[in-house]
Amino acid sequence: MKNRKIPLRMCLGCQEMKPKKELLRIVKTPEGVLEYDPTSKKNGRGAYLCSNLECFSKALKYHKFEKTFGIKPSPEMVSELERQLNSS
C-alpha cells in the first residue's frame, strides 16, 4: 500500500509547519476582503492559522495579516475568528 503525502502549511502565528487539515484557512477574496474559509475551497490568496487563540493573538500583534495580504483584517473578521477559536 502506498503512503500518501500529507500537505503541510505554515501557521501565521507560530511559524510552524503543520498538516493542512489541522489549520484554519484565511482567504483574501478577489474583491479584497479577508474572510474565514471553513471549507478551504474559496477562491483567493490563502494563509493558515493554528486552532488556538495564542497563534491568532501573535498574528495580530506582529501584523502578519497585513504582511501576508497587504490589508488589515476587519473587526468583524477578527471577532468571527475569535468566536471560531473559542468554540474549538
Protein backbone atom coordinates (compact mmCIF):
# COMPACT_ATOMS: atom_id res chain seq x y z
CA MET A 1 0.00 0.00 0.00
CA LYS A 2 1.30 3.43 -0.96
CA ASN A 3 1.70 6.12 1.72
CA ARG A 4 0.10 9.41 0.77
CA LYS A 5 1.97 12.65 1.21
CA ILE A 6 0.34 14.89 3.84
CA PRO A 7 0.23 18.56 2.73
CA LEU A 8 1.87 20.89 5.25
CA ARG A 9 1.23 24.60 5.71
CA MET A 10 2.84 27.23 7.92
CA CYS A 11 0.87 28.91 10.68
CA LEU A 12 0.94 32.73 10.57
CA GLY A 13 1.23 32.95 14.35
CA CYS A 14 3.78 30.35 15.48
CA GLN A 15 5.52 29.86 12.10
CA GLU A 16 5.38 26.04 12.49
CA MET A 17 4.65 23.64 9.66
CA LYS A 18 1.55 21.55 10.43
CA PRO A 19 -0.82 19.32 8.46
CA LYS A 20 -3.24 21.40 6.41
CA LYS A 21 -6.34 19.73 7.90
CA GLU A 22 -5.40 20.88 11.43
CA LEU A 23 -5.25 24.56 10.46
CA LEU A 24 -7.85 27.28 9.82
CA ARG A 25 -7.73 29.00 6.43
CA ILE A 26 -8.00 32.76 6.00
CA VAL A 27 -8.55 33.94 2.44
CA LYS A 28 -8.30 37.29 0.68
CA THR A 29 -11.09 37.24 -1.89
CA PRO A 30 -10.70 38.73 -5.38
CA GLU A 31 -12.76 41.69 -4.06
CA GLY A 32 -10.00 42.38 -1.49
CA VAL A 33 -11.85 41.24 1.65
CA LEU A 34 -10.39 38.92 4.30
CA GLU A 35 -12.67 36.04 5.27
CA TYR A 36 -12.55 32.85 7.32
CA ASP A 37 -12.81 29.87 4.95
CA PRO A 38 -14.19 26.80 6.78
CA THR A 39 -14.34 24.73 3.57
CA SER A 40 -10.78 25.62 2.40
CA LYS A 41 -12.13 25.92 -1.13
CA LYS A 42 -12.85 29.63 -1.62
CA ASN A 43 -11.09 31.48 -4.42
CA GLY A 44 -8.30 33.82 -3.44
CA ARG A 45 -4.99 34.04 -1.63
CA GLY A 46 -4.97 31.83 1.44
CA ALA A 47 -3.00 31.69 4.67
CA TYR A 48 -3.32 29.40 7.68
CA LEU A 49 -3.61 29.65 11.47
CA CYS A 50 -3.42 27.05 14.23
CA SER A 51 -6.65 26.30 16.04
CA ASN A 52 -5.64 28.14 19.20
CA LEU A 53 -6.07 31.68 20.41
CA GLU A 54 -2.34 32.20 21.13
CA CYS A 55 -1.35 31.90 17.47
CA PHE A 56 -4.16 34.23 16.43
CA SER A 57 -3.05 36.80 19.03
CA LYS A 58 0.56 36.56 17.81
CA ALA A 59 -0.53 37.02 14.19
CA LEU A 60 -2.47 40.17 15.14
CA LYS A 61 0.30 41.52 17.39
CA TYR A 62 3.02 41.16 14.76
CA HIS A 63 0.81 42.34 11.86
CA LYS A 64 1.09 39.04 9.98
CA PHE A 65 -2.20 39.62 8.15
CA GLU A 66 -1.02 42.97 6.81
CA LYS A 67 2.33 41.49 5.71
CA THR A 68 0.76 38.47 4.04
CA PHE A 69 -2.30 40.02 2.40
CA GLY A 70 -1.46 43.71 2.25
CA ILE A 71 -4.64 44.69 4.12
CA LYS A 72 -5.72 44.88 7.76
CA PRO A 73 -8.40 42.42 8.95
CA SER A 74 -11.80 43.93 9.65
CA PRO A 75 -13.16 43.90 13.23
CA GLU A 76 -15.96 41.57 12.03
CA MET A 77 -13.43 39.01 10.73
CA VAL A 78 -11.39 39.26 13.93
CA SER A 79 -14.48 38.63 16.09
CA GLU A 80 -15.60 35.74 13.85
CA LEU A 81 -12.18 34.08 14.14
CA GLU A 82 -12.10 34.59 17.92
CA ARG A 83 -15.55 33.00 18.17
CA GLN A 84 -14.42 30.09 15.99
CA LEU A 85 -11.25 29.56 18.04
CA ASN A 86 -13.13 29.71 21.35
CA SER A 87 -15.61 27.07 20.18
CA SER A 88 -12.91 24.60 19.09
